[in-house]
Amino acid sequence: MNADELRAMQAPIKERYKQTPEAAVITLKAQGRLGDDVLTCKVETGKALVEAGLHPATGGNGLEACSGDMLLEALVACAGVTLRAVATALAIPVRGGTVRAEGDLDFRGTLGVAKDAPVGFRDIRLVFDLDTDATPEQIATLHKLTERFCVVYQTLRQPPPVKVAVNAQ
């Protein structure tokens, strides 16, 4: 896809959102089913069923997906697609490359071993290794706009309020 094709594809969508701003507000949903006898949750991704379980550092067997890994995978996917879209829209040549995310966790917090240990990631690093002839200015633009428009990155940087409800039947 080139910049003109991307603009042509997105133009009617952007125009609709300008004319009807409320049409741009979409509720994304995720759903899972708790495992019956095991410490798992089966998550419907729309493309496949992913069974998440405990990380081996907390007693898991390593056969199920770890939700922390899934969070990093969502960041990689969103950032990669965003960078590609920005590069395409600005005709910045990117032949390929890799995106990787790493995050540091202290599992003492998750297991309740140390009250001063945080539950959740302490640090997350997102790295792009690109195959490109882009100028340093173009690389800086890719960096800036990928951060600006990546939904998962922005959600992690400025988390929204999260409400939790537990309903019993």
N, C-alpha and C. Protein backbone atom coordinates (compact mmCIF):
# COMPACT_ATOMS: atom_id res chain seq x y z
N MET A 1 0.85 -1.17 0.00
CA MET A 1 0.00 0.00 0.00
C MET A 1 0.89 1.23 0.00
N ASN A 2 0.50 2.23 -0.78
CA ASN A 2 1.26 3.47 -0.78
C ASN A 2 0.44 4.57 -0.10
N ALA A 3 1.04 5.76 -0.01
CA ALA A 3 0.41 6.87 0.70
C ALA A 3 -0.94 7.26 0.08
N ASP A 4 -1.02 7.28 -1.24
CA ASP A 4 -2.28 7.65 -1.90
C ASP A 4 -3.37 6.62 -1.62
N GLU A 5 -3.03 5.35 -1.65
CA GLU A 5 -4.01 4.29 -1.36
C GLU A 5 -4.49 4.38 0.09
N LEU A 6 -3.57 4.65 1.01
CA LEU A 6 -3.93 4.79 2.42
C LEU A 6 -4.87 5.99 2.61
N ARG A 7 -4.52 7.12 2.01
CA ARG A 7 -5.36 8.31 2.12
C ARG A 7 -6.76 8.05 1.53
N ALA A 8 -6.79 7.39 0.37
CA ALA A 8 -8.07 7.10 -0.28
C ALA A 8 -8.92 6.17 0.59
N MET A 9 -8.28 5.22 1.24
CA MET A 9 -9.01 4.29 2.09
C MET A 9 -9.55 5.00 3.34
N GLN A 10 -8.75 5.89 3.91
CA GLN A 10 -9.13 6.53 5.16
C GLN A 10 -9.93 7.82 4.98
N ALA A 11 -9.91 8.43 3.82
CA ALA A 11 -10.58 9.72 3.62
C ALA A 11 -12.06 9.68 3.98
N PRO A 12 -12.84 8.71 3.49
CA PRO A 12 -14.26 8.73 3.85
C PRO A 12 -14.50 8.47 5.34
N ILE A 13 -13.63 7.70 5.95
CA ILE A 13 -13.75 7.44 7.39
C ILE A 13 -13.48 8.72 8.16
N LYS A 14 -12.39 9.42 7.81
CA LYS A 14 -12.06 10.68 8.48
C LYS A 14 -13.16 11.71 8.30
N GLU A 15 -13.71 11.80 7.09
CA GLU A 15 -14.78 12.76 6.82
C GLU A 15 -16.01 12.44 7.67
N ARG A 16 -16.35 11.17 7.76
CA ARG A 16 -17.50 10.76 8.59
C ARG A 16 -17.28 11.18 10.04
N TYR A 17 -16.08 10.97 10.55
CA TYR A 17 -15.79 11.32 11.94
C TYR A 17 -15.78 12.83 12.16
N LYS A 18 -15.40 13.59 11.14
CA LYS A 18 -15.47 15.05 11.25
C LYS A 18 -16.92 15.51 11.30
N GLN A 19 -17.76 14.91 10.46
CA GLN A 19 -19.17 15.29 10.38
C GLN A 19 -19.98 14.77 11.57
N THR A 20 -19.61 13.58 12.05
CA THR A 20 -20.34 12.94 13.14
C THR A 20 -19.33 12.42 14.16
N PRO A 21 -18.83 13.29 15.03
CA PRO A 21 -17.78 12.89 15.98
C PRO A 21 -18.13 11.68 16.83
N GLU A 22 -19.40 11.54 17.20
CA GLU A 22 -19.77 10.40 18.04
C GLU A 22 -19.60 9.06 17.33
N ALA A 23 -19.56 9.06 16.01
CA ALA A 23 -19.35 7.82 15.26
C ALA A 23 -17.93 7.28 15.44
N ALA A 24 -17.01 8.14 15.88
CA ALA A 24 -15.62 7.73 16.06
C ALA A 24 -15.39 7.03 17.39
N VAL A 25 -16.37 7.08 18.28
CA VAL A 25 -16.22 6.45 19.59
C VAL A 25 -16.74 5.02 19.50
N ILE A 26 -15.82 4.10 19.58
CA ILE A 26 -16.13 2.68 19.44
C ILE A 26 -15.75 1.97 20.73
N THR A 27 -16.55 1.04 21.17
CA THR A 27 -16.22 0.25 22.34
C THR A 27 -15.65 -1.08 21.88
N LEU A 28 -14.37 -1.28 22.17
CA LEU A 28 -13.75 -2.57 21.89
C LEU A 28 -14.02 -3.48 23.07
N LYS A 29 -14.13 -4.77 22.81
CA LYS A 29 -14.48 -5.70 23.87
C LYS A 29 -13.57 -6.92 23.84
N ALA A 30 -13.36 -7.48 24.99
CA ALA A 30 -12.65 -8.74 25.12
C ALA A 30 -13.42 -9.59 26.11
N GLN A 31 -13.37 -10.88 25.92
CA GLN A 31 -14.10 -11.78 26.80
C GLN A 31 -13.31 -13.06 26.98
N GLY A 32 -13.42 -13.61 28.16
CA GLY A 32 -12.76 -14.88 28.44
C GLY A 32 -13.64 -15.75 29.31
N ARG A 33 -13.28 -17.01 29.38
CA ARG A 33 -14.00 -17.96 30.23
C ARG A 33 -13.00 -18.59 31.18
N LEU A 34 -13.33 -18.53 32.48
CA LEU A 34 -12.45 -19.10 33.50
C LEU A 34 -12.35 -20.60 33.32
N GLY A 35 -11.13 -21.12 33.51
CA GLY A 35 -10.94 -22.56 33.46
C GLY A 35 -11.72 -23.24 34.57
N ASP A 36 -12.22 -24.44 34.30
CA ASP A 36 -13.05 -25.14 35.28
C ASP A 36 -12.25 -25.59 36.51
N ASP A 37 -11.20 -26.33 36.27
CA ASP A 37 -10.45 -26.90 37.40
C ASP A 37 -9.00 -26.43 37.44
N VAL A 38 -8.63 -25.58 36.51
CA VAL A 38 -7.24 -25.14 36.45
C VAL A 38 -7.17 -23.62 36.52
N LEU A 39 -6.00 -23.11 36.80
CA LEU A 39 -5.80 -21.66 36.91
C LEU A 39 -5.57 -21.07 35.53
N THR A 40 -6.63 -21.04 34.73
CA THR A 40 -6.52 -20.50 33.39
C THR A 40 -7.74 -19.63 33.08
N CYS A 41 -7.61 -18.86 32.01
CA CYS A 41 -8.72 -18.09 31.46
C CYS A 41 -8.59 -18.17 29.94
N LYS A 42 -9.61 -18.66 29.27
CA LYS A 42 -9.60 -18.77 27.81
C LYS A 42 -10.14 -17.48 27.23
N VAL A 43 -9.29 -16.80 26.47
CA VAL A 43 -9.63 -15.49 25.91
C VAL A 43 -9.92 -15.63 24.43
N GLU A 44 -11.06 -15.10 24.02
CA GLU A 44 -11.43 -15.09 22.61
C GLU A 44 -10.81 -13.87 21.95
N THR A 45 -9.91 -14.09 20.99
CA THR A 45 -9.22 -12.96 20.36
C THR A 45 -9.89 -12.50 19.07
N GLY A 46 -10.85 -13.23 18.59
CA GLY A 46 -11.45 -12.90 17.30
C GLY A 46 -10.80 -13.70 16.19
N LYS A 47 -9.56 -14.10 16.39
CA LYS A 47 -8.84 -14.90 15.40
C LYS A 47 -8.54 -16.29 15.93
N ALA A 48 -8.44 -16.42 17.24
CA ALA A 48 -8.12 -17.70 17.85
C ALA A 48 -8.52 -17.65 19.32
N LEU A 49 -8.51 -18.79 19.94
CA LEU A 49 -8.77 -18.88 21.38
C LEU A 49 -7.42 -19.03 22.06
N VAL A 50 -7.13 -18.12 22.97
CA VAL A 50 -5.86 -18.15 23.69
C VAL A 50 -6.14 -18.54 25.13
N GLU A 51 -5.43 -19.53 25.62
CA GLU A 51 -5.58 -19.94 27.01
C GLU A 51 -4.45 -19.33 27.81
N ALA A 52 -4.82 -18.44 28.72
CA ALA A 52 -3.84 -17.77 29.56
C ALA A 52 -3.77 -18.47 30.90
N GLY A 53 -2.56 -18.50 31.45
CA GLY A 53 -2.38 -19.13 32.76
C GLY A 53 -1.28 -18.41 33.53
N LEU A 54 -0.91 -19.00 34.64
CA LEU A 54 0.14 -18.42 35.46
C LEU A 54 1.49 -18.50 34.76
N HIS A 55 2.29 -17.47 34.94
CA HIS A 55 3.66 -17.48 34.46
C HIS A 55 4.45 -18.49 35.28
N PRO A 56 5.43 -19.16 34.70
CA PRO A 56 6.23 -20.11 35.48
C PRO A 56 6.85 -19.50 36.75
N ALA A 57 7.12 -18.19 36.74
CA ALA A 57 7.69 -17.55 37.92
C ALA A 57 6.70 -17.46 39.08
N THR A 58 5.43 -17.78 38.79
CA THR A 58 4.41 -17.78 39.85
C THR A 58 3.79 -19.17 40.03
N GLY A 59 4.42 -20.17 39.44
CA GLY A 59 3.93 -21.53 39.61
C GLY A 59 3.28 -22.14 38.39
N GLY A 60 3.19 -21.40 37.31
CA GLY A 60 2.58 -21.94 36.09
C GLY A 60 3.48 -22.96 35.42
N ASN A 61 2.88 -23.72 34.52
CA ASN A 61 3.64 -24.77 33.83
C ASN A 61 4.28 -24.29 32.54
N GLY A 62 4.00 -23.06 32.12
CA GLY A 62 4.60 -22.52 30.90
C GLY A 62 3.90 -22.94 29.62
N LEU A 63 2.83 -23.73 29.73
CA LEU A 63 2.12 -24.17 28.54
C LEU A 63 1.07 -23.16 28.07
N GLU A 64 0.58 -22.34 28.99
CA GLU A 64 -0.41 -21.33 28.63
C GLU A 64 0.28 -19.98 28.41
N ALA A 65 -0.45 -19.12 27.73
CA ALA A 65 0.06 -17.76 27.51
C ALA A 65 0.06 -17.02 28.83
N CYS A 66 1.02 -16.12 29.00
CA CYS A 66 1.08 -15.27 30.18
C CYS A 66 0.46 -13.93 29.81
N SER A 67 -0.41 -13.40 30.67
CA SER A 67 -1.08 -12.14 30.35
C SER A 67 -0.08 -10.99 30.23
N GLY A 68 1.02 -11.04 30.97
CA GLY A 68 2.06 -10.02 30.83
C GLY A 68 2.67 -10.06 29.43
N ASP A 69 2.94 -11.27 28.94
CA ASP A 69 3.44 -11.42 27.57
C ASP A 69 2.40 -10.89 26.58
N MET A 70 1.13 -11.17 26.83
CA MET A 70 0.07 -10.72 25.93
C MET A 70 0.00 -9.20 25.88
N LEU A 71 0.22 -8.55 27.02
CA LEU A 71 0.24 -7.09 27.05
C LEU A 71 1.39 -6.55 26.18
N LEU A 72 2.56 -7.15 26.33
CA LEU A 72 3.70 -6.72 25.52
C LEU A 72 3.46 -7.02 24.04
N GLU A 73 2.83 -8.15 23.75
CA GLU A 73 2.51 -8.49 22.36
C GLU A 73 1.53 -7.48 21.76
N ALA A 74 0.56 -7.04 22.56
CA ALA A 74 -0.38 -6.02 22.08
C ALA A 74 0.35 -4.71 21.79
N LEU A 75 1.31 -4.36 22.64
CA LEU A 75 2.10 -3.15 22.42
C LEU A 75 2.91 -3.27 21.13
N VAL A 76 3.56 -4.41 20.93
CA VAL A 76 4.35 -4.63 19.71
C VAL A 76 3.46 -4.55 18.47
N ALA A 77 2.31 -5.21 18.53
CA ALA A 77 1.41 -5.22 17.38
C ALA A 77 0.93 -3.80 17.05
N CYS A 78 0.48 -3.09 18.06
CA CYS A 78 -0.05 -1.74 17.84
C CYS A 78 1.05 -0.79 17.35
N ALA A 79 2.20 -0.83 17.99
CA ALA A 79 3.29 0.05 17.61
C ALA A 79 3.79 -0.27 16.20
N GLY A 80 3.87 -1.56 15.87
CA GLY A 80 4.32 -1.95 14.54
C GLY A 80 3.37 -1.49 13.44
N VAL A 81 2.07 -1.69 13.66
CA VAL A 81 1.07 -1.25 12.68
C VAL A 81 1.08 0.27 12.58
N THR A 82 1.19 0.94 13.71
CA THR A 82 1.20 2.40 13.71
C THR A 82 2.41 2.93 12.95
N LEU A 83 3.60 2.39 13.22
CA LEU A 83 4.80 2.83 12.51
C LEU A 83 4.64 2.61 11.01
N ARG A 84 4.11 1.44 10.62
CA ARG A 84 3.91 1.16 9.20
C ARG A 84 2.95 2.17 8.58
N ALA A 85 1.87 2.49 9.28
CA ALA A 85 0.89 3.45 8.75
C ALA A 85 1.51 4.84 8.61
N VAL A 86 2.27 5.25 9.61
CA VAL A 86 2.94 6.56 9.55
C VAL A 86 3.94 6.59 8.39
N ALA A 87 4.74 5.54 8.28
CA ALA A 87 5.73 5.48 7.20
C ALA A 87 5.05 5.53 5.84
N THR A 88 3.94 4.82 5.71
CA THR A 88 3.20 4.80 4.45
C THR A 88 2.62 6.17 4.15
N ALA A 89 1.97 6.77 5.14
CA ALA A 89 1.32 8.07 4.93
C ALA A 89 2.32 9.15 4.55
N LEU A 90 3.54 9.07 5.10
CA LEU A 90 4.55 10.10 4.84
C LEU A 90 5.56 9.68 3.77
N ALA A 91 5.32 8.52 3.14
CA ALA A 91 6.22 7.99 2.11
C ALA A 91 7.66 7.88 2.63
N ILE A 92 7.80 7.44 3.86
CA ILE A 92 9.13 7.18 4.42
C ILE A 92 9.46 5.73 4.11
N PRO A 93 10.58 5.50 3.43
CA PRO A 93 10.89 4.14 3.00
C PRO A 93 11.30 3.22 4.16
N VAL A 94 10.47 2.23 4.43
CA VAL A 94 10.78 1.20 5.42
C VAL A 94 10.55 -0.14 4.73
N ARG A 95 11.65 -0.86 4.45
CA ARG A 95 11.56 -2.14 3.77
C ARG A 95 11.09 -3.25 4.70
N GLY A 96 11.41 -3.13 5.96
CA GLY A 96 11.05 -4.16 6.93
C GLY A 96 11.70 -3.85 8.25
N GLY A 97 11.72 -4.83 9.12
CA GLY A 97 12.35 -4.64 10.41
C GLY A 97 11.67 -5.45 11.48
N THR A 98 12.06 -5.22 12.71
CA THR A 98 11.47 -5.92 13.84
C THR A 98 11.05 -4.90 14.90
N VAL A 99 10.10 -5.33 15.71
CA VAL A 99 9.63 -4.55 16.85
C VAL A 99 9.69 -5.50 18.03
N ARG A 100 10.27 -5.05 19.13
CA ARG A 100 10.27 -5.91 20.31
C ARG A 100 9.99 -5.07 21.55
N ALA A 101 9.30 -5.70 22.48
CA ALA A 101 9.00 -5.06 23.76
C ALA A 101 9.52 -5.98 24.86
N GLU A 102 10.11 -5.38 25.85
CA GLU A 102 10.59 -6.10 27.02
C GLU A 102 10.06 -5.36 28.24
N GLY A 103 9.70 -6.11 29.25
CA GLY A 103 9.20 -5.49 30.47
C GLY A 103 9.75 -6.19 31.68
N ASP A 104 10.07 -5.42 32.71
CA ASP A 104 10.62 -5.97 33.94
C ASP A 104 9.53 -6.07 35.00
N LEU A 105 9.40 -7.27 35.56
CA LEU A 105 8.44 -7.55 36.62
C LEU A 105 9.18 -8.06 37.84
N ASP A 106 8.69 -7.72 39.00
CA ASP A 106 9.18 -8.29 40.26
C ASP A 106 8.04 -9.16 40.78
N PHE A 107 8.17 -10.46 40.61
CA PHE A 107 7.08 -11.36 40.95
C PHE A 107 6.83 -11.47 42.44
N ARG A 108 7.68 -10.86 43.27
CA ARG A 108 7.39 -10.84 44.70
C ARG A 108 6.11 -10.06 44.96
N GLY A 109 5.85 -9.02 44.14
CA GLY A 109 4.62 -8.24 44.30
C GLY A 109 3.39 -9.06 43.95
N THR A 110 3.44 -9.75 42.82
CA THR A 110 2.32 -10.56 42.38
C THR A 110 2.00 -11.68 43.37
N LEU A 111 3.03 -12.25 43.96
CA LEU A 111 2.82 -13.35 44.90
C LEU A 111 2.59 -12.88 46.34
N GLY A 112 2.64 -11.57 46.56
CA GLY A 112 2.41 -11.05 47.90
C GLY A 112 3.53 -11.36 48.88
N VAL A 113 4.73 -11.57 48.35
CA VAL A 113 5.89 -11.90 49.19
C VAL A 113 6.47 -10.65 49.83
N ALA A 114 6.43 -9.54 49.11
CA ALA A 114 6.99 -8.29 49.62
C ALA A 114 6.01 -7.16 49.31
N LYS A 115 5.52 -6.51 50.35
CA LYS A 115 4.53 -5.44 50.16
C LYS A 115 5.11 -4.25 49.42
N ASP A 116 6.42 -4.06 49.49
CA ASP A 116 7.04 -2.92 48.81
C ASP A 116 7.35 -3.22 47.34
N ALA A 117 7.17 -4.46 46.91
CA ALA A 117 7.41 -4.83 45.50
C ALA A 117 6.15 -4.51 44.70
N PRO A 118 6.29 -3.78 43.59
CA PRO A 118 5.11 -3.42 42.81
C PRO A 118 4.49 -4.64 42.13
N VAL A 119 3.19 -4.58 41.95
CA VAL A 119 2.49 -5.57 41.13
C VAL A 119 2.37 -4.94 39.75
N GLY A 120 2.94 -5.56 38.77
CA GLY A 120 2.92 -5.00 37.42
C GLY A 120 4.31 -4.66 36.95
N PHE A 121 4.38 -4.18 35.73
CA PHE A 121 5.66 -3.86 35.13
C PHE A 121 6.29 -2.64 35.78
N ARG A 122 7.58 -2.73 36.05
CA ARG A 122 8.35 -1.58 36.55
C ARG A 122 8.82 -0.73 35.38
N ASP A 123 9.30 -1.40 34.36
CA ASP A 123 9.84 -0.72 33.18
C ASP A 123 9.44 -1.52 31.95
N ILE A 124 9.15 -0.80 30.87
CA ILE A 124 8.88 -1.42 29.57
C ILE A 124 9.73 -0.70 28.54
N ARG A 125 10.38 -1.48 27.70
CA ARG A 125 11.21 -0.94 26.61
C ARG A 125 10.64 -1.42 25.28
N LEU A 126 10.45 -0.49 24.36
CA LEU A 126 9.94 -0.78 23.02
C LEU A 126 11.03 -0.38 22.03
N VAL A 127 11.46 -1.33 21.21
CA VAL A 127 12.59 -1.08 20.30
C VAL A 127 12.21 -1.49 18.88
N PHE A 128 12.49 -0.61 17.94
CA PHE A 128 12.32 -0.88 16.51
C PHE A 128 13.71 -1.01 15.89
N ASP A 129 13.93 -2.07 15.14
CA ASP A 129 15.13 -2.21 14.32
C ASP A 129 14.64 -2.22 12.88
N LEU A 130 14.90 -1.12 12.17
CA LEU A 130 14.31 -0.93 10.85
C LEU A 130 15.32 -1.12 9.73
N ASP A 131 14.85 -1.70 8.64
CA ASP A 131 15.60 -1.77 7.40
C ASP A 131 15.10 -0.61 6.55
N THR A 132 15.88 0.48 6.53
CA THR A 132 15.41 1.70 5.89
C THR A 132 16.58 2.58 5.44
N ASP A 133 16.31 3.39 4.46
CA ASP A 133 17.24 4.43 4.03
C ASP A 133 16.75 5.80 4.49
N ALA A 134 15.82 5.82 5.41
CA ALA A 134 15.24 7.08 5.88
C ALA A 134 16.32 7.96 6.50
N THR A 135 16.12 9.25 6.37
CA THR A 135 17.04 10.22 6.96
C THR A 135 16.84 10.25 8.48
N PRO A 136 17.80 10.79 9.22
CA PRO A 136 17.60 10.93 10.66
C PRO A 136 16.35 11.74 11.01
N GLU A 137 16.02 12.73 10.21
CA GLU A 137 14.82 13.52 10.45
C GLU A 137 13.57 12.68 10.25
N GLN A 138 13.57 11.84 9.21
CA GLN A 138 12.42 10.96 8.98
C GLN A 138 12.29 9.93 10.11
N ILE A 139 13.41 9.41 10.59
CA ILE A 139 13.38 8.45 11.70
C ILE A 139 12.80 9.15 12.94
N ALA A 140 13.21 10.37 13.19
CA ALA A 140 12.69 11.12 14.34
C ALA A 140 11.18 11.34 14.19
N THR A 141 10.72 11.60 12.98
CA THR A 141 9.28 11.78 12.74
C THR A 141 8.54 10.47 12.97
N LEU A 142 9.10 9.36 12.47
CA LEU A 142 8.48 8.05 12.71
C LEU A 142 8.35 7.78 14.20
N HIS A 143 9.43 8.06 14.92
CA HIS A 143 9.45 7.85 16.37
C HIS A 143 8.34 8.67 17.04
N LYS A 144 8.34 9.96 16.77
CA LYS A 144 7.40 10.88 17.41
C LYS A 144 5.95 10.52 17.08
N LEU A 145 5.66 10.26 15.82
CA LEU A 145 4.27 9.99 15.43
C LEU A 145 3.81 8.60 15.81
N THR A 146 4.72 7.64 15.86
CA THR A 146 4.35 6.31 16.34
C THR A 146 3.95 6.39 17.80
N GLU A 147 4.72 7.09 18.60
CA GLU A 147 4.35 7.28 20.01
C GLU A 147 3.01 8.00 20.11
N ARG A 148 2.83 9.03 19.32
CA ARG A 148 1.62 9.85 19.41
C ARG A 148 0.35 9.08 19.05
N PHE A 149 0.43 8.21 18.04
CA PHE A 149 -0.78 7.58 17.52
C PHE A 149 -0.96 6.12 17.92
N CYS A 150 -0.03 5.52 18.64
CA CYS A 150 -0.17 4.12 19.06
C CYS A 150 -1.10 4.05 20.27
N VAL A 151 -2.24 3.43 20.09
CA VAL A 151 -3.27 3.35 21.13
C VAL A 151 -2.75 2.65 22.38
N VAL A 152 -2.09 1.52 22.22
CA VAL A 152 -1.62 0.76 23.39
C VAL A 152 -0.53 1.54 24.12
N TYR A 153 0.40 2.11 23.39
CA TYR A 153 1.45 2.92 24.02
C TYR A 153 0.84 4.07 24.82
N GLN A 154 -0.06 4.81 24.21
CA GLN A 154 -0.66 5.96 24.88
C GLN A 154 -1.48 5.52 26.10
N THR A 155 -2.13 4.38 26.02
CA THR A 155 -2.90 3.86 27.16
C THR A 155 -1.98 3.50 28.31
N LEU A 156 -0.82 2.93 28.00
CA LEU A 156 0.14 2.61 29.05
C LEU A 156 0.76 3.87 29.65
N ARG A 157 1.03 4.85 28.81
CA ARG A 157 1.65 6.10 29.29
C ARG A 157 0.69 6.94 30.13
N GLN A 158 -0.57 6.97 29.74
CA GLN A 158 -1.58 7.76 30.45
C GLN A 158 -2.81 6.89 30.67
N PRO A 159 -2.74 6.02 31.68
CA PRO A 159 -3.82 5.04 31.85
C PRO A 159 -5.16 5.70 32.18
N PRO A 160 -6.22 5.18 31.57
CA PRO A 160 -7.55 5.68 31.88
C PRO A 160 -8.03 5.06 33.19
N PRO A 161 -9.10 5.60 33.76
CA PRO A 161 -9.66 4.94 34.93
C PRO A 161 -10.17 3.55 34.52
N VAL A 162 -9.94 2.58 35.36
CA VAL A 162 -10.43 1.22 35.10
C VAL A 162 -11.36 0.86 36.24
N LYS A 163 -12.57 0.50 35.90
CA LYS A 163 -13.55 0.09 36.91
C LYS A 163 -13.66 -1.42 36.88
N VAL A 164 -13.65 -2.02 38.05
CA VAL A 164 -13.75 -3.47 38.17
C VAL A 164 -15.05 -3.80 38.90
N ALA A 165 -15.79 -4.75 38.36
CA ALA A 165 -17.00 -5.23 39.01
C ALA A 165 -16.91 -6.75 39.10
N VAL A 166 -17.35 -7.28 40.19
CA VAL A 166 -17.42 -8.74 40.36
C VAL A 166 -18.87 -9.06 40.66
N ASN A 167 -19.48 -9.81 39.75
CA ASN A 167 -20.88 -10.18 39.91
C ASN A 167 -20.95 -11.67 40.25
N ALA A 168 -21.76 -12.02 41.22
CA ALA A 168 -21.95 -13.42 41.58
C ALA A 168 -23.36 -13.84 41.20
N GLN A 169 -23.49 -15.08 40.78
CA GLN A 169 -24.81 -15.59 40.39
C GLN A 169 -25.29 -16.60 41.39
